[in-house]
Amino acid sequence: MRLKLVIGVVLGLALSACSSTKQYSGPDRQPSEIAIVTKAEGAPLTVNSVDGNFRGIGDLLRLDFLPGPHTLGIHWVNGIDGGGLEYSSVPIMLSFDAKAGRTYEIKAKAGSGQSWTAWIEDTATKEVVSQVVP
């Protein structure tokens, strides 16, 4: 019984670490004080780094930021016929200036051959707010 409890606690902590959305330290803040970033539904991408730090493994559902400049490392991840994944070896680095109370969405589109692109859009204005960092 005790072993099951320990395993349950460890598993719960591991899963909560993967689902953490807060990209700042300190207490939780109201939505009007932060910027929220999500990914477009069905977009074949994952955010692997935030402001130069490895974010961890797992799909992006939501990331919360304090206002100010931020940089996201975006990888193309797509299922292929017969199983497996296509995964870009080099991320696209996107920078944007997060505004308090705003919600942003990361979008991606395949190009010709192996090329692809990604951008961050303000959900209210539909304005592209990101720049690709070389």
N, C-alpha and C. Protein backbone atom coordinates (compact mmCIF):
# COMPACT_ATOMS: atom_id res chain seq x y z
N MET A 1 0.82 -1.19 0.00
CA MET A 1 0.00 0.00 0.00
C MET A 1 0.87 1.26 0.00
N ARG A 2 1.89 1.26 0.86
CA ARG A 2 2.77 2.42 0.96
C ARG A 2 3.51 2.64 -0.36
N LEU A 3 3.95 1.57 -1.04
CA LEU A 3 4.63 1.68 -2.32
C LEU A 3 3.72 2.30 -3.37
N LYS A 4 2.45 1.91 -3.39
CA LYS A 4 1.49 2.49 -4.33
C LYS A 4 1.33 3.98 -4.10
N LEU A 5 1.31 4.39 -2.84
CA LEU A 5 1.17 5.80 -2.50
C LEU A 5 2.39 6.59 -2.99
N VAL A 6 3.59 6.06 -2.76
CA VAL A 6 4.81 6.73 -3.20
C VAL A 6 4.84 6.84 -4.72
N ILE A 7 4.51 5.76 -5.40
CA ILE A 7 4.48 5.79 -6.87
C ILE A 7 3.46 6.81 -7.36
N GLY A 8 2.30 6.85 -6.73
CA GLY A 8 1.26 7.81 -7.12
C GLY A 8 1.70 9.25 -6.94
N VAL A 9 2.36 9.54 -5.83
CA VAL A 9 2.85 10.90 -5.56
C VAL A 9 3.92 11.29 -6.56
N VAL A 10 4.88 10.41 -6.82
CA VAL A 10 5.95 10.69 -7.77
C VAL A 10 5.37 10.91 -9.18
N LEU A 11 4.46 10.06 -9.60
CA LEU A 11 3.83 10.20 -10.91
C LEU A 11 3.06 11.51 -11.01
N GLY A 12 2.34 11.85 -9.97
CA GLY A 12 1.58 13.10 -9.96
C GLY A 12 2.48 14.31 -10.08
N LEU A 13 3.61 14.30 -9.37
CA LEU A 13 4.56 15.42 -9.46
C LEU A 13 5.18 15.50 -10.84
N ALA A 14 5.52 14.37 -11.42
CA ALA A 14 6.11 14.37 -12.76
C ALA A 14 5.14 14.91 -13.79
N LEU A 15 3.88 14.50 -13.71
CA LEU A 15 2.89 14.98 -14.68
C LEU A 15 2.60 16.46 -14.48
N SER A 16 2.57 16.92 -13.26
CA SER A 16 2.29 18.34 -13.04
C SER A 16 3.44 19.19 -13.54
N ALA A 17 4.66 18.70 -13.47
CA ALA A 17 5.80 19.46 -13.99
C ALA A 17 5.70 19.61 -15.50
N CYS A 18 5.21 18.59 -16.18
CA CYS A 18 5.09 18.65 -17.63
C CYS A 18 3.98 19.60 -18.06
N SER A 19 2.98 19.78 -17.23
CA SER A 19 1.85 20.58 -17.64
C SER A 19 1.91 22.01 -17.12
N SER A 20 3.01 22.38 -16.45
CA SER A 20 3.14 23.73 -15.92
C SER A 20 3.11 24.75 -17.04
N THR A 21 2.30 25.77 -16.87
CA THR A 21 2.18 26.80 -17.90
C THR A 21 2.91 28.08 -17.53
N LYS A 22 3.17 28.27 -16.27
CA LYS A 22 3.73 29.52 -15.78
C LYS A 22 5.21 29.63 -16.15
N GLN A 23 5.55 30.67 -16.92
CA GLN A 23 6.92 30.88 -17.36
C GLN A 23 7.57 32.04 -16.59
N TYR A 24 7.20 32.19 -15.35
CA TYR A 24 7.76 33.23 -14.49
C TYR A 24 7.76 32.71 -13.06
N SER A 25 8.57 33.32 -12.22
CA SER A 25 8.60 32.91 -10.82
C SER A 25 7.67 33.81 -10.02
N GLY A 26 7.38 33.36 -8.81
CA GLY A 26 6.52 34.15 -7.94
C GLY A 26 5.09 33.65 -7.97
N PRO A 27 4.21 34.42 -7.34
CA PRO A 27 2.82 33.99 -7.23
C PRO A 27 2.09 34.02 -8.56
N ASP A 28 1.01 33.27 -8.65
CA ASP A 28 0.15 33.32 -9.83
C ASP A 28 -0.39 34.73 -9.98
N ARG A 29 -0.63 35.12 -11.21
CA ARG A 29 -1.15 36.46 -11.49
C ARG A 29 -2.47 36.37 -12.23
N GLN A 30 -3.20 37.46 -12.21
CA GLN A 30 -4.48 37.54 -12.91
C GLN A 30 -4.24 37.57 -14.42
N PRO A 31 -5.18 37.08 -15.23
CA PRO A 31 -5.02 37.13 -16.69
C PRO A 31 -4.73 38.53 -17.23
N SER A 32 -5.21 39.56 -16.57
CA SER A 32 -4.96 40.93 -17.02
C SER A 32 -3.50 41.37 -16.80
N GLU A 33 -2.74 40.58 -16.02
CA GLU A 33 -1.35 40.92 -15.71
C GLU A 33 -0.34 40.11 -16.52
N ILE A 34 -0.82 39.13 -17.27
CA ILE A 34 0.08 38.23 -18.00
C ILE A 34 -0.31 38.17 -19.47
N ALA A 35 0.58 37.60 -20.26
CA ALA A 35 0.28 37.28 -21.66
C ALA A 35 0.16 35.77 -21.75
N ILE A 36 -0.83 35.30 -22.51
CA ILE A 36 -1.08 33.87 -22.66
C ILE A 36 -0.75 33.47 -24.09
N VAL A 37 0.01 32.38 -24.24
CA VAL A 37 0.38 31.85 -25.55
C VAL A 37 -0.14 30.42 -25.66
N THR A 38 -0.85 30.14 -26.75
CA THR A 38 -1.33 28.79 -27.05
C THR A 38 -0.85 28.43 -28.45
N LYS A 39 -1.10 27.20 -28.86
CA LYS A 39 -0.79 26.84 -30.24
C LYS A 39 -2.09 26.64 -30.99
N ALA A 40 -2.07 26.95 -32.28
CA ALA A 40 -3.25 26.79 -33.12
C ALA A 40 -3.67 25.33 -33.09
N GLU A 41 -4.97 25.10 -33.04
CA GLU A 41 -5.49 23.74 -33.00
C GLU A 41 -4.99 22.95 -34.21
N GLY A 42 -4.41 21.79 -33.94
CA GLY A 42 -3.91 20.92 -34.99
C GLY A 42 -2.58 21.33 -35.59
N ALA A 43 -2.00 22.41 -35.12
CA ALA A 43 -0.70 22.85 -35.65
C ALA A 43 0.38 21.83 -35.30
N PRO A 44 1.15 21.38 -36.29
CA PRO A 44 2.16 20.35 -36.04
C PRO A 44 3.46 20.94 -35.50
N LEU A 45 3.40 21.47 -34.30
CA LEU A 45 4.58 22.09 -33.73
C LEU A 45 4.64 21.86 -32.24
N THR A 46 5.83 22.09 -31.71
CA THR A 46 6.03 22.04 -30.27
C THR A 46 7.01 23.14 -29.88
N VAL A 47 6.85 23.68 -28.69
CA VAL A 47 7.75 24.69 -28.17
C VAL A 47 8.76 23.98 -27.28
N ASN A 48 10.03 24.00 -27.69
CA ASN A 48 11.05 23.29 -26.92
C ASN A 48 11.89 24.21 -26.05
N SER A 49 11.91 25.50 -26.36
CA SER A 49 12.67 26.41 -25.51
C SER A 49 11.92 27.72 -25.33
N VAL A 50 12.12 28.30 -24.15
CA VAL A 50 11.52 29.59 -23.80
C VAL A 50 12.64 30.47 -23.26
N ASP A 51 12.89 31.57 -23.93
CA ASP A 51 13.92 32.52 -23.52
C ASP A 51 15.27 31.83 -23.31
N GLY A 52 15.59 30.91 -24.22
CA GLY A 52 16.88 30.23 -24.19
C GLY A 52 16.97 29.05 -23.25
N ASN A 53 15.90 28.73 -22.54
CA ASN A 53 15.89 27.61 -21.60
C ASN A 53 15.04 26.47 -22.14
N PHE A 54 15.56 25.26 -22.03
CA PHE A 54 14.81 24.08 -22.46
C PHE A 54 13.52 23.99 -21.66
N ARG A 55 12.38 23.88 -22.34
CA ARG A 55 11.07 23.86 -21.70
C ARG A 55 10.69 22.48 -21.20
N GLY A 56 11.22 21.44 -21.79
CA GLY A 56 10.84 20.09 -21.44
C GLY A 56 10.14 19.43 -22.61
N ILE A 57 9.79 18.20 -22.41
CA ILE A 57 9.15 17.42 -23.46
C ILE A 57 7.66 17.42 -23.22
N GLY A 58 6.90 17.61 -24.25
CA GLY A 58 5.46 17.59 -24.11
C GLY A 58 4.82 18.64 -25.00
N ASP A 59 3.60 18.42 -25.31
CA ASP A 59 2.88 19.31 -26.21
C ASP A 59 2.50 20.60 -25.49
N LEU A 60 2.56 21.68 -26.21
CA LEU A 60 2.15 22.98 -25.67
C LEU A 60 0.65 23.06 -25.61
N LEU A 61 0.11 23.34 -24.47
CA LEU A 61 -1.31 23.64 -24.34
C LEU A 61 -1.48 25.12 -24.06
N ARG A 62 -0.61 25.65 -23.20
CA ARG A 62 -0.70 27.06 -22.83
C ARG A 62 0.58 27.44 -22.08
N LEU A 63 1.09 28.62 -22.36
CA LEU A 63 2.22 29.17 -21.64
C LEU A 63 1.84 30.57 -21.19
N ASP A 64 2.12 30.90 -19.93
CA ASP A 64 1.82 32.21 -19.37
C ASP A 64 3.12 32.97 -19.16
N PHE A 65 3.16 34.23 -19.64
CA PHE A 65 4.35 35.06 -19.56
C PHE A 65 4.05 36.38 -18.87
N LEU A 66 5.07 36.94 -18.22
CA LEU A 66 4.99 38.32 -17.79
C LEU A 66 5.19 39.18 -19.04
N PRO A 67 4.69 40.40 -19.04
CA PRO A 67 4.90 41.27 -20.19
C PRO A 67 6.38 41.50 -20.46
N GLY A 68 6.70 41.72 -21.73
CA GLY A 68 8.08 41.99 -22.12
C GLY A 68 8.52 41.11 -23.26
N PRO A 69 9.78 41.26 -23.67
CA PRO A 69 10.29 40.48 -24.81
C PRO A 69 10.55 39.02 -24.41
N HIS A 70 10.19 38.12 -25.32
CA HIS A 70 10.40 36.68 -25.12
C HIS A 70 10.79 36.04 -26.44
N THR A 71 11.51 34.93 -26.35
CA THR A 71 11.91 34.17 -27.53
C THR A 71 11.53 32.71 -27.32
N LEU A 72 10.87 32.14 -28.33
CA LEU A 72 10.44 30.74 -28.29
C LEU A 72 11.15 29.95 -29.37
N GLY A 73 11.62 28.76 -29.03
CA GLY A 73 12.19 27.82 -30.00
C GLY A 73 11.11 26.84 -30.42
N ILE A 74 10.74 26.88 -31.70
CA ILE A 74 9.61 26.09 -32.22
C ILE A 74 10.15 24.99 -33.14
N HIS A 75 9.70 23.75 -32.92
CA HIS A 75 10.05 22.63 -33.79
C HIS A 75 8.80 22.12 -34.51
N TRP A 76 8.98 21.72 -35.75
CA TRP A 76 7.93 21.07 -36.54
C TRP A 76 7.87 19.62 -36.09
N VAL A 77 6.69 19.15 -35.71
CA VAL A 77 6.49 17.75 -35.31
C VAL A 77 5.22 17.28 -35.98
N ASN A 78 5.33 16.25 -36.80
CA ASN A 78 4.17 15.81 -37.56
C ASN A 78 4.19 14.29 -37.70
N GLY A 79 3.04 13.67 -37.53
CA GLY A 79 2.93 12.23 -37.75
C GLY A 79 3.09 11.90 -39.22
N ILE A 80 3.69 10.75 -39.53
CA ILE A 80 3.86 10.33 -40.91
C ILE A 80 3.17 9.00 -41.14
N ASP A 81 2.85 8.73 -42.40
CA ASP A 81 2.20 7.46 -42.74
C ASP A 81 3.07 6.30 -42.29
N GLY A 82 2.43 5.29 -41.72
CA GLY A 82 3.15 4.11 -41.25
C GLY A 82 3.67 4.26 -39.83
N GLY A 83 3.35 5.35 -39.19
CA GLY A 83 3.80 5.58 -37.81
C GLY A 83 5.05 6.44 -37.77
N GLY A 84 5.39 6.88 -36.61
CA GLY A 84 6.57 7.71 -36.42
C GLY A 84 6.27 9.18 -36.55
N LEU A 85 7.31 9.98 -36.43
CA LEU A 85 7.16 11.43 -36.46
C LEU A 85 8.21 12.06 -37.36
N GLU A 86 7.83 13.14 -38.01
CA GLU A 86 8.78 14.03 -38.64
C GLU A 86 9.08 15.09 -37.59
N TYR A 87 10.35 15.42 -37.41
CA TYR A 87 10.74 16.39 -36.39
C TYR A 87 11.84 17.25 -36.98
N SER A 88 11.66 18.56 -36.98
CA SER A 88 12.69 19.44 -37.52
C SER A 88 13.93 19.38 -36.63
N SER A 89 15.09 19.31 -37.26
CA SER A 89 16.33 19.21 -36.49
C SER A 89 16.77 20.56 -35.95
N VAL A 90 16.35 21.63 -36.61
CA VAL A 90 16.70 22.99 -36.19
C VAL A 90 15.42 23.76 -35.91
N PRO A 91 15.32 24.38 -34.74
CA PRO A 91 14.09 25.13 -34.44
C PRO A 91 14.04 26.45 -35.18
N ILE A 92 12.83 26.95 -35.34
CA ILE A 92 12.64 28.34 -35.73
C ILE A 92 12.55 29.12 -34.43
N MET A 93 13.37 30.15 -34.30
CA MET A 93 13.37 30.98 -33.10
C MET A 93 12.51 32.21 -33.38
N LEU A 94 11.46 32.37 -32.59
CA LEU A 94 10.55 33.50 -32.75
C LEU A 94 10.63 34.41 -31.54
N SER A 95 10.81 35.70 -31.78
CA SER A 95 10.78 36.67 -30.68
C SER A 95 9.51 37.50 -30.80
N PHE A 96 8.98 37.92 -29.65
CA PHE A 96 7.80 38.78 -29.63
C PHE A 96 7.78 39.55 -28.32
N ASP A 97 7.05 40.65 -28.32
CA ASP A 97 6.91 41.48 -27.13
C ASP A 97 5.54 41.20 -26.53
N ALA A 98 5.51 40.45 -25.45
CA ALA A 98 4.25 40.05 -24.80
C ALA A 98 3.63 41.25 -24.09
N LYS A 99 2.35 41.43 -24.31
CA LYS A 99 1.59 42.51 -23.67
C LYS A 99 0.64 41.92 -22.64
N ALA A 100 0.54 42.56 -21.49
CA ALA A 100 -0.36 42.09 -20.43
C ALA A 100 -1.80 42.10 -20.92
N GLY A 101 -2.53 41.02 -20.56
CA GLY A 101 -3.94 40.92 -20.93
C GLY A 101 -4.19 40.43 -22.34
N ARG A 102 -3.14 40.13 -23.09
CA ARG A 102 -3.30 39.68 -24.48
C ARG A 102 -3.15 38.16 -24.56
N THR A 103 -3.77 37.59 -25.58
CA THR A 103 -3.63 36.16 -25.87
C THR A 103 -3.04 36.03 -27.26
N TYR A 104 -2.08 35.13 -27.39
CA TYR A 104 -1.37 34.92 -28.65
C TYR A 104 -1.49 33.44 -29.04
N GLU A 105 -1.36 33.20 -30.34
CA GLU A 105 -1.44 31.83 -30.85
C GLU A 105 -0.26 31.60 -31.78
N ILE A 106 0.41 30.45 -31.59
CA ILE A 106 1.51 30.07 -32.47
C ILE A 106 0.92 29.28 -33.62
N LYS A 107 1.28 29.65 -34.84
CA LYS A 107 0.79 28.97 -36.03
C LYS A 107 1.97 28.51 -36.87
N ALA A 108 1.75 27.49 -37.68
CA ALA A 108 2.80 26.96 -38.54
C ALA A 108 2.21 26.52 -39.86
N LYS A 109 3.07 26.52 -40.89
CA LYS A 109 2.61 26.10 -42.21
C LYS A 109 3.78 25.44 -42.94
N ALA A 110 3.47 24.32 -43.60
CA ALA A 110 4.48 23.63 -44.40
C ALA A 110 4.73 24.41 -45.68
N GLY A 111 5.97 24.41 -46.11
CA GLY A 111 6.34 25.02 -47.38
C GLY A 111 6.61 23.92 -48.40
N SER A 112 7.42 24.23 -49.37
CA SER A 112 7.78 23.22 -50.37
C SER A 112 8.94 22.38 -49.85
N GLY A 113 8.91 21.11 -50.21
CA GLY A 113 9.96 20.19 -49.77
C GLY A 113 9.96 20.04 -48.26
N GLN A 114 11.12 20.28 -47.65
CA GLN A 114 11.27 20.15 -46.20
C GLN A 114 11.09 21.47 -45.46
N SER A 115 10.75 22.53 -46.17
CA SER A 115 10.66 23.84 -45.51
C SER A 115 9.33 24.03 -44.79
N TRP A 116 9.35 24.90 -43.81
CA TRP A 116 8.16 25.24 -43.04
C TRP A 116 8.39 26.59 -42.38
N THR A 117 7.35 27.18 -41.88
CA THR A 117 7.46 28.46 -41.20
C THR A 117 6.51 28.48 -40.01
N ALA A 118 6.79 29.37 -39.08
CA ALA A 118 5.94 29.54 -37.90
C ALA A 118 5.89 31.02 -37.56
N TRP A 119 4.83 31.42 -36.87
CA TRP A 119 4.67 32.80 -36.45
C TRP A 119 3.74 32.86 -35.25
N ILE A 120 3.75 33.99 -34.56
CA ILE A 120 2.88 34.22 -33.41
C ILE A 120 1.92 35.34 -33.78
N GLU A 121 0.65 35.08 -33.52
CA GLU A 121 -0.41 36.01 -33.90
C GLU A 121 -1.21 36.43 -32.67
N ASP A 122 -1.55 37.72 -32.59
CA ASP A 122 -2.44 38.22 -31.55
C ASP A 122 -3.84 37.71 -31.89
N THR A 123 -4.50 37.02 -30.97
CA THR A 123 -5.80 36.42 -31.30
C THR A 123 -6.90 37.45 -31.47
N ALA A 124 -6.78 38.61 -30.85
CA ALA A 124 -7.82 39.63 -30.97
C ALA A 124 -7.72 40.41 -32.28
N THR A 125 -6.48 40.77 -32.66
CA THR A 125 -6.29 41.62 -33.84
C THR A 125 -5.90 40.83 -35.08
N LYS A 126 -5.50 39.57 -34.91
CA LYS A 126 -5.00 38.70 -35.99
C LYS A 126 -3.68 39.23 -36.57
N GLU A 127 -3.04 40.15 -35.87
CA GLU A 127 -1.77 40.72 -36.31
C GLU A 127 -0.63 39.77 -35.96
N VAL A 128 0.31 39.58 -36.89
CA VAL A 128 1.51 38.80 -36.62
C VAL A 128 2.42 39.68 -35.75
N VAL A 129 2.81 39.17 -34.59
CA VAL A 129 3.57 39.96 -33.62
C VAL A 129 4.99 39.44 -33.43
N SER A 130 5.37 38.41 -34.16
CA SER A 130 6.70 37.80 -33.98
C SER A 130 7.63 38.12 -35.12
N GLN A 131 8.91 38.01 -34.81
CA GLN A 131 9.97 38.10 -35.81
C GLN A 131 10.82 36.85 -35.68
N VAL A 132 11.33 36.36 -36.82
CA VAL A 132 12.23 35.22 -36.80
C VAL A 132 13.61 35.73 -36.38
N VAL A 133 14.19 35.05 -35.39
CA VAL A 133 15.54 35.40 -34.92
C VAL A 133 16.52 34.54 -35.70
N PRO A 134 17.47 35.16 -36.40
CA PRO A 134 18.45 34.36 -37.18
C PRO A 134 19.35 33.53 -36.31
